[in-house]
Amino acid sequence: MRILTRMMHNCQGPREYNQGGYALMITRILVTTDGSPASNRAVGLAAHMAINHDATLYLLNVIRDMQLPPELKKMAKVENIGQARQDVLDFVAEKVLGDAERRAKRKGVKSLRKATGHGDPANAIASYAQRNKIDLVVMGTRGLGSVKGMLMGSVSRKVANSCDVNLLIVR
């Protein structure tokens, strides 16, 4: 995993960065979002970078194979969505992506794409980034402690280890 070592501000159009002897142009930025505070901060930073680099912003929400938490079941009842698990998860993913899209467009992002992935989040993110030739992945972290992170492994750690794309983790 290569790490973006230098960021320039107030630039016009795509910029090249010399990174270890080769040029890196940032034209496609992927930001993952699950609606958490850390991912919301990641959306804000990625939107800012997309504007400064005249890049396309890709928004990705991954639906994990899991049981529905009570909060999502309650949201589904309020929104009159059927009890089918996939219907609820699709509704939540669309809501999360819609909120992120509105925030990014309010900041001034002109080119934006949304997608929903399924399965293991780290694998889905890495696969999406490689399929879409993403230059930079921006994602939030929940700040797991090192012991808990070693035992469970975090999504950002798994993405860093499985993806050959630059990764920026936002706290």
N, C-alpha and C. Protein backbone atom coordinates (compact mmCIF):
# COMPACT_ATOMS: atom_id res chain seq x y z
N MET A 1 0.85 -1.18 0.00
CA MET A 1 0.00 0.00 0.00
C MET A 1 0.88 1.23 0.00
N ARG A 2 0.67 2.09 -0.95
CA ARG A 2 1.39 3.36 -1.02
C ARG A 2 0.55 4.40 -0.28
N ILE A 3 1.20 5.32 0.37
CA ILE A 3 0.48 6.35 1.12
C ILE A 3 0.70 7.70 0.49
N LEU A 4 -0.36 8.45 0.29
CA LEU A 4 -0.26 9.79 -0.25
C LEU A 4 0.47 10.64 0.77
N THR A 5 1.60 11.20 0.38
CA THR A 5 2.45 11.86 1.36
C THR A 5 2.34 13.37 1.33
N ARG A 6 1.71 13.93 0.30
CA ARG A 6 1.67 15.38 0.21
C ARG A 6 0.35 15.82 -0.40
N MET A 7 -0.31 16.77 0.21
CA MET A 7 -1.55 17.30 -0.32
C MET A 7 -1.35 18.78 -0.61
N MET A 8 -1.84 19.23 -1.75
CA MET A 8 -1.75 20.64 -2.10
C MET A 8 -3.15 21.23 -2.04
N HIS A 9 -3.24 22.47 -1.59
CA HIS A 9 -4.53 23.13 -1.47
C HIS A 9 -4.65 24.22 -2.53
N ASN A 10 -5.89 24.61 -2.81
CA ASN A 10 -6.19 25.68 -3.76
C ASN A 10 -5.64 25.41 -5.15
N CYS A 11 -5.67 24.16 -5.59
CA CYS A 11 -5.17 23.86 -6.93
C CYS A 11 -6.33 23.86 -7.92
N GLN A 12 -6.01 24.10 -9.15
CA GLN A 12 -7.00 24.15 -10.21
C GLN A 12 -6.80 22.94 -11.11
N GLY A 13 -7.82 22.11 -11.26
CA GLY A 13 -7.76 20.96 -12.15
C GLY A 13 -6.94 19.82 -11.59
N PRO A 14 -6.87 18.71 -12.33
CA PRO A 14 -6.10 17.57 -11.85
C PRO A 14 -4.65 17.94 -11.64
N ARG A 15 -4.08 17.44 -10.56
CA ARG A 15 -2.69 17.76 -10.22
C ARG A 15 -1.89 16.48 -10.19
N GLU A 16 -0.63 16.61 -10.48
CA GLU A 16 0.28 15.47 -10.38
C GLU A 16 1.12 15.63 -9.12
N TYR A 17 1.36 14.53 -8.45
CA TYR A 17 2.22 14.51 -7.29
C TYR A 17 3.34 13.53 -7.58
N ASN A 18 4.55 13.91 -7.24
CA ASN A 18 5.66 12.99 -7.40
C ASN A 18 5.68 12.13 -6.16
N GLN A 19 5.46 10.86 -6.34
CA GLN A 19 5.39 9.95 -5.21
C GLN A 19 6.35 8.80 -5.44
N GLY A 20 7.51 8.89 -4.88
CA GLY A 20 8.48 7.81 -5.01
C GLY A 20 8.98 7.63 -6.43
N GLY A 21 9.07 8.72 -7.19
CA GLY A 21 9.64 8.62 -8.52
C GLY A 21 8.63 8.48 -9.64
N TYR A 22 7.34 8.45 -9.34
CA TYR A 22 6.35 8.41 -10.41
C TYR A 22 5.25 9.43 -10.10
N ALA A 23 4.56 9.85 -11.14
CA ALA A 23 3.54 10.88 -10.98
C ALA A 23 2.20 10.23 -10.66
N LEU A 24 1.46 10.83 -9.75
CA LEU A 24 0.13 10.37 -9.36
C LEU A 24 -0.85 11.49 -9.63
N MET A 25 -1.79 11.27 -10.52
CA MET A 25 -2.85 12.25 -10.75
C MET A 25 -4.10 11.76 -10.03
N ILE A 26 -4.72 12.62 -9.30
CA ILE A 26 -5.94 12.25 -8.58
C ILE A 26 -7.13 12.73 -9.41
N THR A 27 -7.78 11.79 -10.09
CA THR A 27 -8.95 12.12 -10.89
C THR A 27 -10.19 11.33 -10.46
N ARG A 28 -9.98 10.30 -9.65
CA ARG A 28 -11.09 9.46 -9.17
C ARG A 28 -10.88 9.19 -7.68
N ILE A 29 -11.80 9.72 -6.88
CA ILE A 29 -11.71 9.56 -5.43
C ILE A 29 -12.91 8.75 -4.96
N LEU A 30 -12.64 7.67 -4.25
CA LEU A 30 -13.69 6.84 -3.66
C LEU A 30 -13.77 7.15 -2.18
N VAL A 31 -14.98 7.46 -1.72
CA VAL A 31 -15.19 7.62 -0.28
C VAL A 31 -16.25 6.62 0.14
N THR A 32 -15.93 5.89 1.21
CA THR A 32 -16.88 4.91 1.74
C THR A 32 -17.68 5.58 2.84
N THR A 33 -18.95 5.25 2.90
CA THR A 33 -19.79 5.87 3.93
C THR A 33 -20.78 4.87 4.50
N ASP A 34 -20.94 4.94 5.81
CA ASP A 34 -21.96 4.14 6.48
C ASP A 34 -22.84 5.02 7.35
N GLY A 35 -22.68 6.34 7.21
CA GLY A 35 -23.48 7.27 7.99
C GLY A 35 -22.92 7.58 9.37
N SER A 36 -21.80 6.97 9.73
CA SER A 36 -21.20 7.23 11.04
C SER A 36 -20.52 8.60 11.02
N PRO A 37 -20.26 9.18 12.20
CA PRO A 37 -19.58 10.48 12.24
C PRO A 37 -18.23 10.47 11.52
N ALA A 38 -17.45 9.41 11.67
CA ALA A 38 -16.14 9.35 11.00
C ALA A 38 -16.31 9.29 9.49
N SER A 39 -17.28 8.53 9.02
CA SER A 39 -17.46 8.46 7.55
C SER A 39 -18.03 9.76 7.02
N ASN A 40 -18.82 10.47 7.82
CA ASN A 40 -19.32 11.79 7.40
C ASN A 40 -18.16 12.78 7.26
N ARG A 41 -17.19 12.70 8.17
CA ARG A 41 -16.00 13.56 8.04
C ARG A 41 -15.20 13.17 6.79
N ALA A 42 -15.15 11.88 6.50
CA ALA A 42 -14.44 11.41 5.30
C ALA A 42 -15.12 11.94 4.04
N VAL A 43 -16.45 11.95 4.03
CA VAL A 43 -17.19 12.48 2.87
C VAL A 43 -16.85 13.96 2.68
N GLY A 44 -16.81 14.72 3.77
CA GLY A 44 -16.48 16.14 3.67
C GLY A 44 -15.09 16.39 3.12
N LEU A 45 -14.11 15.64 3.61
CA LEU A 45 -12.74 15.80 3.13
C LEU A 45 -12.61 15.34 1.68
N ALA A 46 -13.23 14.23 1.35
CA ALA A 46 -13.15 13.72 -0.03
C ALA A 46 -13.82 14.69 -1.00
N ALA A 47 -14.93 15.30 -0.58
CA ALA A 47 -15.61 16.29 -1.43
C ALA A 47 -14.68 17.48 -1.67
N HIS A 48 -14.04 17.95 -0.62
CA HIS A 48 -13.10 19.06 -0.74
C HIS A 48 -11.97 18.71 -1.71
N MET A 49 -11.43 17.52 -1.59
CA MET A 49 -10.35 17.09 -2.47
C MET A 49 -10.83 16.95 -3.91
N ALA A 50 -12.04 16.43 -4.10
CA ALA A 50 -12.60 16.27 -5.45
C ALA A 50 -12.75 17.63 -6.12
N ILE A 51 -13.18 18.62 -5.38
CA ILE A 51 -13.32 19.97 -5.93
C ILE A 51 -11.95 20.52 -6.31
N ASN A 52 -10.98 20.42 -5.40
CA ASN A 52 -9.65 20.96 -5.65
C ASN A 52 -8.91 20.27 -6.78
N HIS A 53 -9.22 19.01 -7.03
CA HIS A 53 -8.52 18.24 -8.07
C HIS A 53 -9.36 18.06 -9.32
N ASP A 54 -10.55 18.65 -9.34
CA ASP A 54 -11.47 18.48 -10.46
C ASP A 54 -11.65 16.98 -10.74
N ALA A 55 -11.85 16.23 -9.66
CA ALA A 55 -11.95 14.77 -9.73
C ALA A 55 -13.40 14.32 -9.61
N THR A 56 -13.66 13.11 -10.08
CA THR A 56 -14.97 12.49 -9.88
C THR A 56 -14.97 11.86 -8.49
N LEU A 57 -16.04 12.10 -7.75
CA LEU A 57 -16.20 11.53 -6.42
C LEU A 57 -17.11 10.31 -6.52
N TYR A 58 -16.63 9.19 -6.05
CA TYR A 58 -17.40 7.94 -6.02
C TYR A 58 -17.81 7.69 -4.58
N LEU A 59 -19.11 7.51 -4.34
CA LEU A 59 -19.62 7.20 -3.01
C LEU A 59 -19.98 5.72 -2.97
N LEU A 60 -19.54 5.02 -1.93
CA LEU A 60 -19.81 3.59 -1.81
C LEU A 60 -20.30 3.27 -0.40
N ASN A 61 -21.43 2.58 -0.35
CA ASN A 61 -21.94 2.02 0.91
C ASN A 61 -21.98 0.51 0.72
N VAL A 62 -21.43 -0.22 1.68
CA VAL A 62 -21.40 -1.68 1.58
C VAL A 62 -22.39 -2.27 2.57
N ILE A 63 -23.28 -3.11 2.03
CA ILE A 63 -24.24 -3.83 2.87
C ILE A 63 -23.57 -5.12 3.31
N ARG A 64 -23.34 -5.19 4.59
CA ARG A 64 -22.65 -6.33 5.20
C ARG A 64 -23.68 -7.44 5.44
N ASP A 65 -23.25 -8.68 5.28
CA ASP A 65 -24.11 -9.81 5.62
C ASP A 65 -24.21 -9.87 7.14
N MET A 66 -25.40 -9.55 7.65
CA MET A 66 -25.56 -9.49 9.11
C MET A 66 -27.02 -9.55 9.48
N GLN A 67 -27.26 -9.71 10.75
CA GLN A 67 -28.61 -9.60 11.29
C GLN A 67 -28.94 -8.12 11.43
N LEU A 68 -30.20 -7.78 11.28
CA LEU A 68 -30.59 -6.37 11.42
C LEU A 68 -30.56 -5.94 12.88
N PRO A 69 -29.87 -4.84 13.19
CA PRO A 69 -29.92 -4.30 14.54
C PRO A 69 -31.30 -3.71 14.81
N PRO A 70 -31.70 -3.61 16.07
CA PRO A 70 -33.02 -3.06 16.41
C PRO A 70 -33.25 -1.66 15.85
N GLU A 71 -32.18 -0.82 15.77
CA GLU A 71 -32.34 0.55 15.26
C GLU A 71 -32.82 0.54 13.81
N LEU A 72 -32.26 -0.36 12.99
CA LEU A 72 -32.67 -0.43 11.59
C LEU A 72 -34.09 -0.96 11.46
N LYS A 73 -34.45 -1.93 12.30
CA LYS A 73 -35.82 -2.44 12.27
C LYS A 73 -36.81 -1.34 12.63
N LYS A 74 -36.44 -0.51 13.62
CA LYS A 74 -37.30 0.60 14.01
C LYS A 74 -37.43 1.61 12.88
N MET A 75 -36.31 1.94 12.21
CA MET A 75 -36.34 2.87 11.08
C MET A 75 -37.24 2.33 9.97
N ALA A 76 -37.18 1.03 9.75
CA ALA A 76 -38.00 0.42 8.70
C ALA A 76 -39.48 0.55 9.02
N LYS A 77 -39.83 0.37 10.30
CA LYS A 77 -41.24 0.53 10.69
C LYS A 77 -41.71 1.95 10.47
N VAL A 78 -40.91 2.92 10.88
CA VAL A 78 -41.27 4.33 10.72
C VAL A 78 -41.47 4.67 9.25
N GLU A 79 -40.64 4.13 8.38
CA GLU A 79 -40.70 4.42 6.95
C GLU A 79 -41.65 3.49 6.19
N ASN A 80 -42.36 2.61 6.92
CA ASN A 80 -43.32 1.68 6.32
C ASN A 80 -42.69 0.77 5.27
N ILE A 81 -41.55 0.25 5.61
CA ILE A 81 -40.87 -0.70 4.72
C ILE A 81 -41.18 -2.09 5.23
N GLY A 82 -41.35 -3.01 4.32
CA GLY A 82 -41.62 -4.39 4.70
C GLY A 82 -40.53 -4.96 5.59
N GLN A 83 -40.82 -6.06 6.18
CA GLN A 83 -39.87 -6.66 7.11
C GLN A 83 -38.77 -7.46 6.42
N ALA A 84 -38.81 -7.55 5.09
CA ALA A 84 -37.76 -8.29 4.40
C ALA A 84 -36.41 -7.64 4.68
N ARG A 85 -35.48 -8.43 5.14
CA ARG A 85 -34.16 -7.94 5.54
C ARG A 85 -33.49 -7.14 4.43
N GLN A 86 -33.49 -7.66 3.20
CA GLN A 86 -32.81 -6.98 2.11
C GLN A 86 -33.47 -5.65 1.79
N ASP A 87 -34.80 -5.57 1.89
CA ASP A 87 -35.50 -4.30 1.65
C ASP A 87 -35.05 -3.24 2.64
N VAL A 88 -34.92 -3.63 3.88
CA VAL A 88 -34.50 -2.68 4.92
C VAL A 88 -33.06 -2.23 4.66
N LEU A 89 -32.17 -3.17 4.37
CA LEU A 89 -30.77 -2.82 4.14
C LEU A 89 -30.60 -1.95 2.90
N ASP A 90 -31.35 -2.25 1.84
CA ASP A 90 -31.31 -1.43 0.63
C ASP A 90 -31.81 -0.02 0.91
N PHE A 91 -32.88 0.10 1.70
CA PHE A 91 -33.42 1.41 2.06
C PHE A 91 -32.38 2.23 2.83
N VAL A 92 -31.75 1.61 3.81
CA VAL A 92 -30.75 2.31 4.62
C VAL A 92 -29.56 2.72 3.76
N ALA A 93 -29.09 1.83 2.88
CA ALA A 93 -27.96 2.16 2.01
C ALA A 93 -28.30 3.35 1.12
N GLU A 94 -29.49 3.37 0.55
CA GLU A 94 -29.90 4.47 -0.32
C GLU A 94 -29.99 5.78 0.46
N LYS A 95 -30.49 5.71 1.69
CA LYS A 95 -30.58 6.91 2.53
C LYS A 95 -29.19 7.45 2.88
N VAL A 96 -28.28 6.56 3.25
CA VAL A 96 -26.91 6.96 3.59
C VAL A 96 -26.23 7.59 2.38
N LEU A 97 -26.36 6.95 1.22
CA LEU A 97 -25.75 7.48 -0.01
C LEU A 97 -26.38 8.80 -0.42
N GLY A 98 -27.70 8.92 -0.27
CA GLY A 98 -28.38 10.16 -0.62
C GLY A 98 -27.93 11.32 0.26
N ASP A 99 -27.78 11.05 1.56
CA ASP A 99 -27.30 12.10 2.48
C ASP A 99 -25.88 12.52 2.11
N ALA A 100 -25.01 11.55 1.82
CA ALA A 100 -23.63 11.87 1.44
C ALA A 100 -23.60 12.65 0.13
N GLU A 101 -24.45 12.27 -0.82
CA GLU A 101 -24.51 12.97 -2.10
C GLU A 101 -24.93 14.43 -1.89
N ARG A 102 -25.94 14.66 -1.07
CA ARG A 102 -26.39 16.04 -0.81
C ARG A 102 -25.28 16.87 -0.17
N ARG A 103 -24.56 16.31 0.79
CA ARG A 103 -23.46 17.05 1.43
C ARG A 103 -22.37 17.38 0.42
N ALA A 104 -22.02 16.41 -0.42
CA ALA A 104 -20.95 16.64 -1.40
C ALA A 104 -21.36 17.69 -2.43
N LYS A 105 -22.59 17.63 -2.89
CA LYS A 105 -23.06 18.61 -3.88
C LYS A 105 -23.17 20.01 -3.28
N ARG A 106 -23.56 20.08 -2.00
CA ARG A 106 -23.61 21.39 -1.33
C ARG A 106 -22.23 22.02 -1.25
N LYS A 107 -21.20 21.19 -1.13
CA LYS A 107 -19.83 21.70 -1.09
C LYS A 107 -19.34 22.13 -2.47
N GLY A 108 -20.01 21.64 -3.52
CA GLY A 108 -19.63 22.04 -4.87
C GLY A 108 -19.10 20.94 -5.77
N VAL A 109 -19.22 19.68 -5.36
CA VAL A 109 -18.77 18.58 -6.21
C VAL A 109 -19.64 18.53 -7.46
N LYS A 110 -18.99 18.46 -8.62
CA LYS A 110 -19.73 18.48 -9.89
C LYS A 110 -19.93 17.09 -10.47
N SER A 111 -18.95 16.22 -10.31
CA SER A 111 -19.02 14.88 -10.88
C SER A 111 -19.06 13.85 -9.75
N LEU A 112 -20.16 13.09 -9.68
CA LEU A 112 -20.36 12.18 -8.56
C LEU A 112 -21.06 10.91 -9.04
N ARG A 113 -20.65 9.79 -8.49
CA ARG A 113 -21.29 8.50 -8.76
C ARG A 113 -21.53 7.79 -7.44
N LYS A 114 -22.67 7.08 -7.36
CA LYS A 114 -23.02 6.34 -6.15
C LYS A 114 -23.11 4.85 -6.46
N ALA A 115 -22.77 4.03 -5.47
CA ALA A 115 -22.87 2.58 -5.64
C ALA A 115 -23.08 1.93 -4.28
N THR A 116 -23.68 0.75 -4.34
CA THR A 116 -23.86 -0.08 -3.16
C THR A 116 -23.13 -1.38 -3.39
N GLY A 117 -22.33 -1.79 -2.42
CA GLY A 117 -21.64 -3.07 -2.48
C GLY A 117 -22.29 -4.04 -1.50
N HIS A 118 -21.92 -5.30 -1.60
CA HIS A 118 -22.50 -6.34 -0.73
C HIS A 118 -21.39 -7.26 -0.23
N GLY A 119 -21.56 -7.75 0.99
CA GLY A 119 -20.61 -8.72 1.55
C GLY A 119 -19.64 -8.09 2.51
N ASP A 120 -18.45 -8.66 2.56
CA ASP A 120 -17.40 -8.16 3.45
C ASP A 120 -17.00 -6.76 3.00
N PRO A 121 -17.10 -5.76 3.87
CA PRO A 121 -16.81 -4.38 3.46
C PRO A 121 -15.42 -4.18 2.87
N ALA A 122 -14.39 -4.72 3.51
CA ALA A 122 -13.02 -4.52 3.01
C ALA A 122 -12.85 -5.10 1.61
N ASN A 123 -13.35 -6.31 1.40
CA ASN A 123 -13.23 -6.93 0.07
C ASN A 123 -14.02 -6.15 -0.97
N ALA A 124 -15.23 -5.70 -0.59
CA ALA A 124 -16.07 -4.95 -1.53
C ALA A 124 -15.42 -3.62 -1.90
N ILE A 125 -14.82 -2.94 -0.93
CA ILE A 125 -14.15 -1.65 -1.18
C ILE A 125 -12.95 -1.85 -2.09
N ALA A 126 -12.11 -2.83 -1.76
CA ALA A 126 -10.90 -3.08 -2.56
C ALA A 126 -11.27 -3.46 -3.99
N SER A 127 -12.26 -4.31 -4.15
CA SER A 127 -12.68 -4.75 -5.47
C SER A 127 -13.26 -3.58 -6.28
N TYR A 128 -14.09 -2.77 -5.64
CA TYR A 128 -14.70 -1.61 -6.32
C TYR A 128 -13.61 -0.63 -6.75
N ALA A 129 -12.66 -0.38 -5.88
CA ALA A 129 -11.57 0.56 -6.19
C ALA A 129 -10.77 0.08 -7.39
N GLN A 130 -10.47 -1.18 -7.43
CA GLN A 130 -9.68 -1.70 -8.55
C GLN A 130 -10.48 -1.73 -9.84
N ARG A 131 -11.75 -2.14 -9.78
CA ARG A 131 -12.60 -2.18 -10.99
C ARG A 131 -12.79 -0.80 -11.60
N ASN A 132 -12.87 0.23 -10.76
CA ASN A 132 -13.15 1.58 -11.24
C ASN A 132 -11.90 2.45 -11.37
N LYS A 133 -10.73 1.83 -11.24
CA LYS A 133 -9.45 2.53 -11.40
C LYS A 133 -9.37 3.79 -10.52
N ILE A 134 -9.73 3.61 -9.26
CA ILE A 134 -9.72 4.69 -8.27
C ILE A 134 -8.28 5.06 -7.94
N ASP A 135 -8.03 6.37 -7.81
CA ASP A 135 -6.69 6.87 -7.46
C ASP A 135 -6.49 6.98 -5.95
N LEU A 136 -7.59 7.24 -5.23
CA LEU A 136 -7.49 7.46 -3.79
C LEU A 136 -8.77 6.99 -3.12
N VAL A 137 -8.63 6.19 -2.07
CA VAL A 137 -9.76 5.77 -1.25
C VAL A 137 -9.71 6.59 0.04
N VAL A 138 -10.83 7.21 0.39
CA VAL A 138 -10.93 7.97 1.63
C VAL A 138 -11.99 7.28 2.48
N MET A 139 -11.63 6.98 3.72
CA MET A 139 -12.59 6.32 4.60
C MET A 139 -12.38 6.74 6.04
N GLY A 140 -13.46 6.67 6.79
CA GLY A 140 -13.39 7.01 8.21
C GLY A 140 -12.97 5.80 9.02
N THR A 141 -12.53 6.08 10.22
CA THR A 141 -12.20 5.01 11.15
C THR A 141 -12.99 5.27 12.43
N ARG A 142 -13.29 4.23 13.12
CA ARG A 142 -13.97 4.39 14.40
C ARG A 142 -12.98 4.46 15.55
N GLY A 143 -11.70 4.41 15.21
CA GLY A 143 -10.67 4.58 16.23
C GLY A 143 -10.57 3.42 17.18
N LEU A 144 -10.64 2.17 16.67
CA LEU A 144 -10.48 1.01 17.54
C LEU A 144 -9.11 1.03 18.18
N GLY A 145 -9.05 0.66 19.45
CA GLY A 145 -7.76 0.57 20.12
C GLY A 145 -6.91 -0.50 19.48
N SER A 146 -5.60 -0.46 19.72
CA SER A 146 -4.71 -1.39 19.03
C SER A 146 -4.99 -2.84 19.41
N VAL A 147 -5.32 -3.14 20.66
CA VAL A 147 -5.60 -4.52 21.05
C VAL A 147 -6.87 -5.01 20.37
N LYS A 148 -7.93 -4.22 20.45
CA LYS A 148 -9.19 -4.60 19.82
C LYS A 148 -9.01 -4.70 18.31
N GLY A 149 -8.26 -3.77 17.74
CA GLY A 149 -7.99 -3.79 16.30
C GLY A 149 -7.22 -5.04 15.89
N MET A 150 -6.28 -5.49 16.73
CA MET A 150 -5.52 -6.70 16.40
C MET A 150 -6.42 -7.93 16.46
N LEU A 151 -7.32 -7.97 17.44
CA LEU A 151 -8.18 -9.13 17.59
C LEU A 151 -9.25 -9.19 16.51
N MET A 152 -9.90 -8.07 16.24
CA MET A 152 -11.01 -8.05 15.31
C MET A 152 -10.56 -7.70 13.89
N GLY A 153 -9.57 -6.84 13.78
CA GLY A 153 -9.20 -6.31 12.48
C GLY A 153 -10.21 -5.26 12.08
N SER A 154 -9.76 -4.13 11.60
CA SER A 154 -10.70 -3.09 11.20
C SER A 154 -10.82 -3.10 9.68
N VAL A 155 -11.90 -2.53 9.19
CA VAL A 155 -12.12 -2.48 7.75
C VAL A 155 -10.98 -1.71 7.08
N SER A 156 -10.59 -0.58 7.66
CA SER A 156 -9.53 0.21 7.04
C SER A 156 -8.21 -0.56 7.00
N ARG A 157 -7.92 -1.32 8.02
CA ARG A 157 -6.69 -2.13 8.04
C ARG A 157 -6.76 -3.20 6.95
N LYS A 158 -7.90 -3.83 6.81
CA LYS A 158 -8.05 -4.86 5.78
C LYS A 158 -7.95 -4.26 4.38
N VAL A 159 -8.53 -3.08 4.19
CA VAL A 159 -8.43 -2.43 2.88
C VAL A 159 -6.98 -2.09 2.59
N ALA A 160 -6.28 -1.56 3.58
CA ALA A 160 -4.87 -1.21 3.39
C ALA A 160 -4.03 -2.42 3.01
N ASN A 161 -4.37 -3.57 3.56
CA ASN A 161 -3.60 -4.77 3.28
C ASN A 161 -4.01 -5.49 2.00
N SER A 162 -5.21 -5.22 1.50
CA SER A 162 -5.69 -6.00 0.35
C SER A 162 -5.84 -5.19 -0.93
N CYS A 163 -5.58 -3.90 -0.87
CA CYS A 163 -5.85 -3.04 -2.02
C CYS A 163 -4.57 -2.31 -2.42
N ASP A 164 -4.34 -2.21 -3.71
CA ASP A 164 -3.13 -1.55 -4.22
C ASP A 164 -3.43 -0.10 -4.61
N VAL A 165 -4.34 0.54 -3.88
CA VAL A 165 -4.75 1.92 -4.15
C VAL A 165 -4.38 2.76 -2.93
N ASN A 166 -4.01 4.01 -3.14
CA ASN A 166 -3.71 4.90 -2.02
C ASN A 166 -4.91 5.03 -1.11
N LEU A 167 -4.67 5.11 0.19
CA LEU A 167 -5.72 5.12 1.20
C LEU A 167 -5.49 6.27 2.17
N LEU A 168 -6.53 7.05 2.41
CA LEU A 168 -6.49 8.12 3.39
C LEU A 168 -7.56 7.81 4.43
N ILE A 169 -7.14 7.66 5.68
CA ILE A 169 -8.06 7.34 6.77
C ILE A 169 -8.31 8.60 7.57
N VAL A 170 -9.60 8.92 7.75
CA VAL A 170 -10.01 10.14 8.43
C VAL A 170 -10.51 9.77 9.82
N ARG A 171 -10.01 10.47 10.82
CA ARG A 171 -10.45 10.23 12.20
C ARG A 171 -11.60 11.14 12.55
